[in-house]
Amino acid sequence: MPQITTSESHSTHTNENTNYTKPFSTIIFLFFMWGFITVMNDVLIPHLRSAFELSYFQAALVQFAFFGAFFIISLLYFLVSVVKGDIISRLGYKNGIILGLILCGLGCALFYPAAQYEKYGFFLSALFVLASGVTILQIAANPYAAILGKPETASSRLNLAQGFNSLGTTLAPFVGALLIYKVFSNGEISVDSIKTPYLIYGGIFLLLALLIKSVHLPTFVNKEKILKGAGALKHRHLIFGMVAIFAYVGAEVSIGSFLINFFALDSIMGMEEAEAGIYLSYYWGGAMIGRFLGAISMSDMKRSTTKYLWMAATAVGVFGFVYIMTAIRNENGSFFMNFLSFEEVSLFVLFLILNFACFVLGKSNPSKILQLFSLAVAGLLIVMIFFDGELAFWAAIAIGLFNSIMWSNIFTLAIKDLKEHTSQGSSLLVMMIVGGAIFPPLQGALADLIGIQYSFALPILSYLYLFFFGWKGHRISDKSIKEN
């Protein structure tokens, strides 16, 4: 086993007696920012489409440029690590995070000249640079958050960090729309209104890079000979984990892509886009609730009663936040509150209670919770397919609650005991985000053949595989143990 040095420890994992609360708190803001900047694309797409008079296909190139970077940069990272050895094993996680933040800042800064020259291709290039930075952050920060403490609570830490990532995705549409369409728009739709917001975002990323550089963070660096080759692929559970990430991200993105079309069906709710957008916040807000509950559930709290009380209080508090955020309306520059009645959200509350019960049944075990949540989503998809009206509608929204912990749990189970291959394995997992680019067209083609409602049968296959991964696929083979 290689010696991985830190300022505190000389082992693969951190010293269990060391308090890493402060450094982890710094990392949490990192997760918030990349969640925020990723969802800003949803605000950016309609604005650029109007400003440049783009077709839907041309506007969709925003997501193609952004998520294409995840695959390309992760693939390049893997190929370089095969030939030269793992990059972050040389740099250290801390320096890898700083590099990612600088690229994010540069990508945001490039929006200014892109707007100045009014070139759509320039915007796409800026997005690619920005997403390249986010990709490196994913490769470095996910395993860093996982190893920054006790190995048995890695899923808890990653769920907590992902919870703040969800907070960023919840706030971004509101804050981004306010800045681009109101504060800096000058009453007209133009690319000039994008300049200042993205300069602000870029400045935040660069300040965060300086903060990471200046604060005391453990610098995990491999001091032994850097191994070359595709060593990570020798671990069977990592390969199963790669397929799990591909299936999960593909299913999650595909479901999200067709939710508004599903809500618009006369047999479901017959909603228009503006109204559907309000309820869509419950879908993403549910993911935030589930991730915070997951962080508490898989923490090292000794007393079950105390843990469940904290989980209940957190569920109520975060639900209240989502409830208030979705009540904010803006018409003609005036803000007011329009709250949904309890009757309107009662089914969501029932599904939240079911979510809580699954955490209790899972007994803080990441693999068991993954199994339960996978079956729950498969069940919700079946309800969507065979039922109509409010039950199918709220079943669709409740999927966010149960998708919540899947990335964190899959990731930590997949990289467990990879040791010197951890960063290479992380890059392979991030590369599998490409599932989000493949599943939506497949479900779209299926929808053309059999209709939107029945097309949700496709992601059921993903969640059945995720159940397998939580049940047997995550287990570390005897061969992998002997090789290490």
Protein backbone atom coordinates (compact mmCIF):
# COMPACT_ATOMS: atom_id res chain seq x y z
CA MET A 1 0.00 0.00 0.00
CA PRO A 2 1.47 3.40 -0.94
CA GLN A 3 2.27 6.10 1.58
CA ILE A 4 -0.08 9.04 1.09
CA THR A 5 1.23 11.94 3.08
CA THR A 6 -0.79 14.71 4.65
CA SER A 7 -0.03 17.41 7.11
CA GLU A 8 -1.78 15.25 9.68
CA SER A 9 -1.35 11.62 8.66
CA HIS A 10 0.70 9.05 6.81
CA SER A 11 -1.91 6.56 5.65
CA THR A 12 -4.39 6.16 2.85
CA HIS A 13 -7.18 7.60 4.95
CA THR A 14 -7.04 10.47 7.36
CA ASN A 15 -6.35 10.05 11.05
CA GLU A 16 -9.69 9.24 12.65
CA ASN A 17 -8.89 11.45 15.66
CA THR A 18 -8.22 14.52 13.53
CA ASN A 19 -10.96 17.14 13.30
CA TYR A 20 -11.55 18.09 9.67
CA THR A 21 -14.67 20.22 10.24
CA LYS A 22 -13.08 23.47 8.99
CA PRO A 23 -11.53 22.09 5.80
CA PHE A 24 -14.70 20.17 5.00
CA SER A 25 -16.79 23.32 5.49
CA THR A 26 -14.62 25.00 2.84
CA ILE A 27 -15.20 22.10 0.44
CA ILE A 28 -18.97 22.37 0.96
CA PHE A 29 -19.03 25.84 -0.63
CA LEU A 30 -17.19 24.34 -3.60
CA PHE A 31 -20.04 21.86 -4.16
CA PHE A 32 -22.58 24.68 -3.85
CA MET A 33 -20.86 26.75 -6.54
CA TRP A 34 -20.57 24.02 -9.16
CA GLY A 35 -24.22 23.07 -8.60
CA PHE A 36 -25.15 26.73 -9.04
CA ILE A 37 -23.11 27.27 -12.21
CA THR A 38 -24.32 24.01 -13.82
CA VAL A 39 -28.02 24.86 -13.48
CA MET A 40 -27.36 28.39 -14.74
CA ASN A 41 -27.41 26.75 -18.19
CA ASP A 42 -31.19 26.41 -17.84
CA VAL A 43 -31.41 30.19 -17.52
CA LEU A 44 -28.81 30.78 -20.22
CA ILE A 45 -30.41 28.65 -22.96
CA PRO A 46 -33.65 30.62 -23.49
CA HIS A 47 -31.77 33.91 -23.18
CA LEU A 48 -29.19 33.01 -25.84
CA ARG A 49 -31.92 31.52 -28.04
CA SER A 50 -33.78 34.83 -28.04
CA ALA A 51 -30.67 37.01 -28.35
CA PHE A 52 -29.20 35.04 -31.28
CA GLU A 53 -32.53 33.90 -32.76
CA LEU A 54 -31.48 30.25 -32.53
CA SER A 55 -33.37 27.10 -33.36
CA TYR A 56 -34.07 24.63 -30.53
CA PHE A 57 -31.27 22.42 -31.83
CA GLN A 58 -28.78 25.31 -31.87
CA ALA A 59 -29.80 26.35 -28.36
CA ALA A 60 -29.36 22.77 -27.16
CA LEU A 61 -25.69 23.01 -28.13
CA VAL A 62 -25.23 24.81 -24.80
CA GLN A 63 -25.79 21.54 -22.95
CA PHE A 64 -23.84 19.61 -25.59
CA ALA A 65 -20.78 21.84 -25.09
CA PHE A 66 -21.12 21.74 -21.31
CA PHE A 67 -21.71 18.03 -20.74
CA GLY A 68 -19.50 17.05 -23.66
CA ALA A 69 -16.60 18.47 -21.64
CA PHE A 70 -17.30 15.98 -18.85
CA PHE A 71 -16.72 13.06 -21.18
CA ILE A 72 -13.79 14.52 -23.14
CA ILE A 73 -11.82 15.83 -20.15
CA SER A 74 -12.43 12.68 -18.10
CA LEU A 75 -11.37 10.51 -21.03
CA LEU A 76 -8.20 12.59 -21.55
CA TYR A 77 -7.47 12.39 -17.83
CA PHE A 78 -7.79 8.61 -17.91
CA LEU A 79 -5.61 8.23 -21.02
CA VAL A 80 -2.86 10.45 -19.57
CA SER A 81 -2.99 8.54 -16.28
CA VAL A 82 -2.54 5.28 -18.19
CA VAL A 83 0.61 6.56 -19.92
CA LYS A 84 2.11 8.95 -17.35
CA GLY A 85 0.52 7.90 -14.08
CA ASP A 86 -2.35 9.43 -12.12
CA ILE A 87 -2.23 13.24 -12.40
CA ILE A 88 -3.83 14.06 -9.06
CA SER A 89 -1.61 11.49 -7.34
CA ARG A 90 1.22 13.81 -8.44
CA LEU A 91 -0.50 17.14 -7.80
CA GLY A 92 -2.49 16.24 -4.69
CA TYR A 93 -6.23 16.71 -4.29
CA LYS A 94 -5.88 20.26 -3.00
CA ASN A 95 -3.90 21.42 -6.04
CA GLY A 96 -6.28 19.56 -8.35
CA ILE A 97 -9.21 21.47 -6.82
CA ILE A 98 -7.37 24.79 -7.25
CA LEU A 99 -6.70 23.98 -10.92
CA GLY A 100 -10.40 23.20 -11.46
CA LEU A 101 -11.46 26.46 -9.80
CA ILE A 102 -9.08 28.52 -11.94
CA LEU A 103 -10.49 26.93 -15.11
CA CYS A 104 -14.03 27.67 -13.89
CA GLY A 105 -13.08 31.29 -13.28
CA LEU A 106 -11.47 31.54 -16.71
CA GLY A 107 -14.51 30.02 -18.40
CA CYS A 108 -16.82 32.52 -16.71
CA ALA A 109 -14.50 35.42 -17.63
CA LEU A 110 -14.61 34.38 -21.30
CA PHE A 111 -18.33 35.21 -21.34
CA TYR A 112 -17.38 38.90 -21.39
CA PRO A 113 -15.49 38.86 -24.74
CA ALA A 114 -18.06 36.40 -26.11
CA ALA A 115 -20.79 38.94 -25.39
CA GLN A 116 -18.61 41.81 -26.60
CA TYR A 117 -18.09 40.17 -30.01
CA GLU A 118 -21.62 38.65 -30.04
CA LYS A 119 -20.38 35.26 -31.23
CA TYR A 120 -22.45 32.23 -30.25
CA GLY A 121 -19.52 29.90 -30.96
CA PHE A 122 -17.43 31.92 -28.50
CA PHE A 123 -20.07 31.31 -25.83
CA LEU A 124 -19.94 27.57 -26.51
CA SER A 125 -16.13 27.63 -26.18
CA ALA A 126 -16.42 29.52 -22.88
CA LEU A 127 -18.90 26.92 -21.64
CA PHE A 128 -16.52 24.13 -22.60
CA VAL A 129 -13.70 25.74 -20.58
CA LEU A 130 -16.06 26.30 -17.64
CA ALA A 131 -17.28 22.70 -17.76
CA SER A 132 -13.68 21.45 -18.01
CA GLY A 133 -13.03 23.13 -14.67
CA VAL A 134 -16.16 21.56 -13.17
CA THR A 135 -15.02 18.16 -14.46
CA ILE A 136 -11.65 18.47 -12.73
CA LEU A 137 -13.44 19.58 -9.56
CA GLN A 138 -15.62 16.46 -9.78
CA ILE A 139 -12.57 14.21 -10.27
CA ALA A 140 -10.68 15.76 -7.35
CA ALA A 141 -13.32 16.98 -4.89
CA ASN A 142 -15.63 13.95 -4.76
CA PRO A 143 -12.96 11.51 -3.54
CA TYR A 144 -11.39 14.29 -1.44
CA ALA A 145 -14.67 14.80 0.45
CA ALA A 146 -14.95 11.02 0.80
CA ILE A 147 -11.48 10.52 2.35
CA LEU A 148 -11.54 13.66 4.51
CA GLY A 149 -12.46 11.74 7.65
CA LYS A 150 -13.46 8.24 8.72
CA PRO A 151 -13.91 5.77 5.83
CA GLU A 152 -17.17 4.42 7.29
CA THR A 153 -18.80 7.89 7.16
CA ALA A 154 -17.60 8.76 3.63
CA SER A 155 -21.14 8.48 2.20
CA SER A 156 -22.42 10.80 4.92
CA ARG A 157 -19.88 13.50 4.04
CA LEU A 158 -20.49 13.19 0.32
CA ASN A 159 -24.26 13.34 0.84
CA LEU A 160 -23.87 16.49 2.94
CA ALA A 161 -21.67 18.10 0.28
CA GLN A 162 -24.14 17.04 -2.42
CA GLY A 163 -26.94 18.56 -0.32
CA PHE A 164 -25.29 21.95 -0.64
CA ASN A 165 -24.78 21.18 -4.33
CA SER A 166 -28.58 20.82 -4.51
CA LEU A 167 -28.97 24.11 -2.67
CA GLY A 168 -26.99 25.68 -5.50
CA THR A 169 -29.21 24.04 -8.12
CA THR A 170 -32.32 25.26 -6.28
CA LEU A 171 -31.17 28.88 -5.99
CA ALA A 172 -29.49 29.26 -9.40
CA PRO A 173 -32.66 29.59 -11.55
CA PHE A 174 -34.09 32.28 -9.27
CA VAL A 175 -30.85 34.27 -8.77
CA GLY A 176 -29.67 33.83 -12.37
CA ALA A 177 -33.00 34.90 -13.88
CA LEU A 178 -33.09 37.93 -11.57
CA LEU A 179 -29.58 39.06 -12.57
CA ILE A 180 -29.83 38.38 -16.31
CA TYR A 181 -33.45 39.33 -16.96
CA LYS A 182 -33.91 42.13 -14.41
CA VAL A 183 -30.82 43.70 -12.81
CA PHE A 184 -28.51 43.81 -15.86
CA SER A 185 -30.99 43.59 -18.76
CA ASN A 186 -31.70 47.34 -19.25
CA GLY A 187 -35.20 46.34 -20.24
CA GLU A 188 -34.17 44.33 -23.32
CA ILE A 189 -32.94 40.85 -24.22
CA SER A 190 -29.31 41.05 -25.27
CA VAL A 191 -26.05 39.25 -24.62
CA ASP A 192 -24.75 42.33 -22.76
CA SER A 193 -26.83 41.37 -19.71
CA ILE A 194 -24.74 38.18 -19.39
CA LYS A 195 -21.41 40.00 -19.01
CA THR A 196 -21.59 41.19 -15.42
CA PRO A 197 -23.26 38.13 -13.83
CA TYR A 198 -20.61 35.79 -15.25
CA LEU A 199 -17.80 38.14 -14.26
CA ILE A 200 -19.22 37.95 -10.74
CA TYR A 201 -19.34 34.14 -10.89
CA GLY A 202 -15.80 34.02 -12.27
CA GLY A 203 -14.58 36.28 -9.48
CA ILE A 204 -16.17 33.99 -6.89
CA PHE A 205 -14.42 30.95 -8.37
CA LEU A 206 -11.04 32.72 -8.35
CA LEU A 207 -11.57 33.93 -4.78
CA LEU A 208 -12.47 30.39 -3.79
CA ALA A 209 -9.22 29.17 -5.42
CA LEU A 210 -7.29 31.69 -3.30
CA LEU A 211 -9.20 30.58 -0.22
CA ILE A 212 -8.41 26.91 -0.86
CA LYS A 213 -4.76 27.88 -1.40
CA SER A 214 -4.50 29.91 1.79
CA VAL A 215 -6.48 27.83 4.28
CA HIS A 216 -5.09 24.76 6.01
CA LEU A 217 -6.30 21.78 3.98
CA PRO A 218 -4.70 18.33 4.12
CA THR A 219 -2.67 17.80 0.94
CA PHE A 220 -3.00 14.13 0.08
CA VAL A 221 -0.12 13.39 -2.29
CA ASN A 222 1.25 10.00 -3.25
CA LYS A 223 5.00 10.08 -2.41
CA GLU A 224 5.78 6.66 -3.80
CA LYS A 225 6.40 5.69 -7.42
CA ILE A 226 3.44 6.80 -9.54
CA LEU A 227 1.92 3.71 -11.13
CA LYS A 228 1.17 3.76 -14.84
CA GLY A 229 -1.43 1.77 -16.72
CA ALA A 230 -5.17 1.25 -16.26
CA GLY A 231 -4.82 -0.17 -12.76
CA ALA A 232 -8.22 1.10 -11.65
CA LEU A 233 -9.94 -1.19 -14.16
CA LYS A 234 -8.61 -4.24 -12.31
CA HIS A 235 -11.22 -3.57 -9.63
CA ARG A 236 -14.48 -5.31 -10.50
CA HIS A 237 -16.60 -3.18 -8.18
CA LEU A 238 -15.34 0.00 -9.90
CA ILE A 239 -16.43 -1.33 -13.31
CA PHE A 240 -19.87 -2.16 -11.91
CA GLY A 241 -19.87 1.34 -10.37
CA MET A 242 -19.08 2.93 -13.74
CA VAL A 243 -22.12 1.23 -15.26
CA ALA A 244 -24.15 2.35 -12.22
CA ILE A 245 -23.16 6.01 -12.69
CA PHE A 246 -23.95 5.74 -16.41
CA ALA A 247 -27.36 4.23 -15.65
CA TYR A 248 -28.17 6.64 -12.82
CA VAL A 249 -27.20 9.89 -14.55
CA GLY A 250 -28.81 8.72 -17.78
CA ALA A 251 -32.08 7.89 -16.03
CA GLU A 252 -32.10 11.06 -13.89
CA VAL A 253 -31.46 13.41 -16.83
CA SER A 254 -33.92 11.55 -19.05
CA ILE A 255 -36.69 11.69 -16.44
CA GLY A 256 -36.05 15.40 -15.85
CA SER A 257 -36.07 16.10 -19.59
CA PHE A 258 -39.61 14.78 -20.06
CA LEU A 259 -41.28 15.76 -16.78
CA ILE A 260 -42.84 18.96 -18.12
CA ASN A 261 -44.19 17.03 -21.14
CA PHE A 262 -45.58 14.47 -18.70
CA PHE A 263 -47.24 17.17 -16.57
CA ALA A 264 -48.81 18.65 -19.71
CA LEU A 265 -50.70 15.44 -20.55
CA ASP A 266 -54.46 15.92 -20.16
CA SER A 267 -54.64 12.59 -18.33
CA ILE A 268 -52.11 13.83 -15.74
CA MET A 269 -52.52 17.56 -14.97
CA GLY A 270 -52.73 19.40 -18.30
CA MET A 271 -50.31 22.05 -17.02
CA GLU A 272 -48.67 24.84 -18.96
CA GLU A 273 -44.88 25.31 -18.72
CA ALA A 274 -44.95 28.25 -16.28
CA GLU A 275 -47.11 26.39 -13.77
CA ALA A 276 -45.14 23.16 -14.21
CA GLY A 277 -41.92 25.02 -13.41
CA ILE A 278 -43.18 25.81 -9.91
CA TYR A 279 -43.78 22.15 -9.14
CA LEU A 280 -40.50 21.17 -10.78
CA SER A 281 -38.81 23.01 -7.91
CA TYR A 282 -40.22 20.34 -5.61
CA TYR A 283 -38.49 17.70 -7.74
CA TRP A 284 -35.07 19.35 -7.30
CA GLY A 285 -35.87 20.48 -3.76
CA GLY A 286 -36.70 16.87 -2.93
CA ALA A 287 -33.18 15.90 -3.99
CA MET A 288 -31.81 18.48 -1.55
CA ILE A 289 -34.00 17.16 1.29
CA GLY A 290 -32.92 13.57 0.64
CA ARG A 291 -29.23 14.44 0.52
CA PHE A 292 -29.31 16.26 3.85
CA LEU A 293 -31.22 13.35 5.40
CA GLY A 294 -28.66 10.97 3.90
CA ALA A 295 -25.81 12.95 5.46
CA ILE A 296 -27.38 12.57 8.90
CA SER A 297 -28.50 8.96 8.40
CA MET A 298 -25.02 7.78 7.39
CA SER A 299 -23.16 9.87 9.95
CA ASP A 300 -21.50 8.41 13.04
CA MET A 301 -24.15 9.57 15.52
CA LYS A 302 -24.31 6.85 18.15
CA ARG A 303 -27.90 7.21 19.38
CA SER A 304 -30.58 6.30 16.85
CA THR A 305 -33.21 8.44 18.57
CA THR A 306 -31.06 11.57 18.33
CA LYS A 307 -30.26 10.81 14.70
CA TYR A 308 -33.91 10.37 13.72
CA LEU A 309 -34.95 13.53 15.56
CA TRP A 310 -32.29 15.49 13.64
CA MET A 311 -33.47 13.94 10.40
CA ALA A 312 -37.10 14.84 11.12
CA ALA A 313 -36.18 18.44 12.03
CA THR A 314 -34.04 18.75 8.90
CA ALA A 315 -36.83 17.37 6.68
CA VAL A 316 -39.30 19.90 8.08
CA GLY A 317 -36.81 22.79 7.83
CA VAL A 318 -35.67 22.11 4.26
CA PHE A 319 -39.24 21.40 3.12
CA GLY A 320 -40.20 24.81 4.59
CA PHE A 321 -37.39 26.44 2.61
CA VAL A 322 -38.56 24.83 -0.66
CA TYR A 323 -42.19 25.73 0.16
CA ILE A 324 -41.29 29.41 0.64
CA MET A 325 -38.97 29.56 -2.40
CA THR A 326 -41.68 28.15 -4.69
CA ALA A 327 -44.15 30.74 -3.41
CA ILE A 328 -42.10 33.69 -4.73
CA ARG A 329 -43.65 35.26 -7.81
CA ASN A 330 -42.44 38.10 -10.00
CA GLU A 331 -44.82 39.98 -12.27
CA ASN A 332 -43.97 43.27 -13.95
CA GLY A 333 -40.96 43.73 -11.69
CA SER A 334 -42.98 43.27 -8.48
CA PHE A 335 -42.38 40.38 -6.09
CA PHE A 336 -45.16 38.76 -4.06
CA MET A 337 -45.89 35.45 -2.31
CA ASN A 338 -48.42 32.90 -3.54
CA PHE A 339 -48.35 29.83 -1.30
CA LEU A 340 -49.68 26.43 -2.33
CA SER A 341 -52.30 24.99 0.02
CA PHE A 342 -51.46 22.02 2.24
CA GLU A 343 -53.93 19.93 0.25
CA GLU A 344 -51.94 20.65 -2.92
CA VAL A 345 -48.66 19.39 -1.41
CA SER A 346 -50.06 16.66 0.88
CA LEU A 347 -49.04 13.80 -1.43
CA PHE A 348 -45.49 15.14 -1.53
CA VAL A 349 -45.47 15.12 2.29
CA LEU A 350 -46.61 11.47 2.26
CA PHE A 351 -43.79 10.54 -0.11
CA LEU A 352 -41.37 12.45 2.15
CA ILE A 353 -42.50 10.28 5.07
CA LEU A 354 -41.91 7.17 2.90
CA ASN A 355 -38.44 8.51 2.10
CA PHE A 356 -37.74 8.89 5.83
CA ALA A 357 -38.96 5.33 6.46
CA CYS A 358 -36.56 3.95 3.82
CA PHE A 359 -33.66 5.68 5.58
CA VAL A 360 -34.73 4.03 8.85
CA LEU A 361 -35.03 0.60 7.21
CA GLY A 362 -31.61 1.08 5.58
CA LYS A 363 -30.00 1.44 9.02
CA SER A 364 -27.31 3.88 7.83
CA ASN A 365 -25.86 1.32 5.40
CA PRO A 366 -25.10 2.97 2.01
CA SER A 367 -25.61 -0.24 -0.01
CA LYS A 368 -28.92 -1.11 1.69
CA ILE A 369 -30.23 2.43 1.30
CA LEU A 370 -29.25 2.34 -2.38
CA GLN A 371 -31.22 -0.90 -2.80
CA LEU A 372 -34.32 0.51 -1.09
CA PHE A 373 -34.23 3.79 -2.97
CA SER A 374 -33.71 2.06 -6.34
CA LEU A 375 -36.78 -0.11 -5.77
CA ALA A 376 -38.72 2.96 -4.60
CA VAL A 377 -37.96 4.87 -7.83
CA ALA A 378 -38.83 1.82 -9.94
CA GLY A 379 -42.15 1.68 -8.07
CA LEU A 380 -42.80 5.40 -8.61
CA LEU A 381 -42.10 5.01 -12.35
CA ILE A 382 -44.63 2.16 -12.49
CA VAL A 383 -47.19 4.43 -10.81
CA MET A 384 -46.44 7.12 -13.43
CA ILE A 385 -47.04 4.63 -16.24
CA PHE A 386 -50.23 2.95 -15.05
CA PHE A 387 -51.99 5.68 -13.08
CA ASP A 388 -53.30 9.15 -13.97
CA GLY A 389 -54.01 12.45 -12.24
CA GLU A 390 -52.44 13.73 -9.04
CA LEU A 391 -51.09 10.35 -7.90
CA ALA A 392 -48.99 9.93 -11.06
CA PHE A 393 -48.05 13.63 -10.94
CA TRP A 394 -46.70 13.57 -7.38
CA ALA A 395 -45.10 10.15 -7.91
CA ALA A 396 -43.02 11.77 -10.67
CA ILE A 397 -42.00 14.65 -8.41
CA ALA A 398 -41.16 12.30 -5.53
CA ILE A 399 -38.47 10.64 -7.67
CA GLY A 400 -36.23 13.59 -6.72
CA LEU A 401 -36.44 12.52 -3.07
CA PHE A 402 -35.20 9.02 -3.86
CA ASN A 403 -32.63 9.99 -6.49
CA SER A 404 -31.02 12.20 -3.86
CA ILE A 405 -28.40 9.88 -2.34
CA MET A 406 -27.67 7.76 -5.37
CA TRP A 407 -24.67 9.63 -6.80
CA SER A 408 -22.99 9.85 -3.39
CA ASN A 409 -23.61 6.24 -2.43
CA ILE A 410 -22.64 4.82 -5.84
CA PHE A 411 -19.48 6.95 -5.91
CA THR A 412 -18.24 6.04 -2.43
CA LEU A 413 -19.02 2.33 -2.91
CA ALA A 414 -17.27 2.33 -6.31
CA ILE A 415 -14.02 3.99 -5.15
CA LYS A 416 -13.76 2.10 -1.87
CA ASP A 417 -10.29 0.63 -1.31
CA LEU A 418 -8.92 1.75 -4.70
CA LYS A 419 -5.98 3.30 -2.81
CA GLU A 420 -3.44 4.67 -5.34
CA HIS A 421 -6.00 4.21 -8.13
CA THR A 422 -8.62 6.41 -6.45
CA SER A 423 -8.21 9.48 -8.70
CA GLN A 424 -8.07 7.39 -11.87
CA GLY A 425 -11.21 5.58 -10.75
CA SER A 426 -12.84 8.92 -9.99
CA SER A 427 -12.11 10.15 -13.53
CA LEU A 428 -13.71 7.01 -14.97
CA LEU A 429 -16.82 7.52 -12.86
CA VAL A 430 -17.11 11.19 -13.88
CA MET A 431 -16.69 10.13 -17.53
CA MET A 432 -19.82 7.97 -17.15
CA ILE A 433 -21.89 11.15 -16.76
CA VAL A 434 -22.13 10.79 -20.55
CA GLY A 435 -25.17 8.62 -19.81
CA GLY A 436 -27.04 11.90 -19.48
CA ALA A 437 -26.41 12.59 -23.18
CA ILE A 438 -27.50 9.13 -24.35
CA PHE A 439 -30.66 8.24 -22.42
CA PRO A 440 -32.88 11.25 -23.34
CA PRO A 441 -32.75 10.60 -27.12
CA LEU A 442 -33.53 6.92 -26.48
CA GLN A 443 -36.52 7.76 -24.31
CA GLY A 444 -37.56 10.41 -26.83
CA ALA A 445 -37.57 7.83 -29.64
CA LEU A 446 -39.56 5.48 -27.41
CA ALA A 447 -42.03 8.29 -26.65
CA ASP A 448 -42.54 8.84 -30.38
CA LEU A 449 -43.50 5.17 -30.71
CA ILE A 450 -45.63 4.52 -27.62
CA GLY A 451 -46.24 7.94 -26.01
CA ILE A 452 -44.62 9.97 -23.24
CA GLN A 453 -46.30 8.15 -20.35
CA TYR A 454 -45.24 4.64 -21.39
CA SER A 455 -41.73 5.82 -22.34
CA PHE A 456 -40.91 6.01 -18.62
CA ALA A 457 -40.53 2.23 -18.74
CA LEU A 458 -36.97 2.76 -20.06
CA PRO A 459 -35.44 4.26 -16.87
CA ILE A 460 -36.94 1.40 -14.82
CA LEU A 461 -34.16 -0.78 -16.29
CA SER A 462 -31.56 1.62 -14.85
CA TYR A 463 -32.98 1.42 -11.35
CA LEU A 464 -33.13 -2.37 -11.46
CA TYR A 465 -29.40 -2.34 -12.28
CA LEU A 466 -28.79 0.11 -9.41
CA PHE A 467 -30.55 -2.35 -7.10
CA PHE A 468 -28.11 -5.03 -8.31
CA PHE A 469 -25.14 -2.73 -7.68
CA GLY A 470 -26.32 -2.01 -4.14
CA TRP A 471 -27.01 -5.70 -3.54
CA LYS A 472 -23.94 -7.45 -5.01
CA GLY A 473 -22.13 -5.29 -7.59
CA HIS A 474 -20.41 -3.04 -5.02
CA ARG A 475 -18.71 -5.91 -3.22
CA ILE A 476 -14.93 -5.94 -3.44
CA SER A 477 -13.67 -9.16 -5.00
CA ASP A 478 -11.03 -11.32 -3.33
CA LYS A 479 -8.78 -10.77 -6.37
CA SER A 480 -8.80 -6.99 -5.85
CA ILE A 481 -7.95 -7.43 -2.17
CA LYS A 482 -4.96 -9.70 -2.93
CA GLU A 483 -3.59 -7.29 -5.58
CA ASN A 484 -3.56 -4.48 -3.03
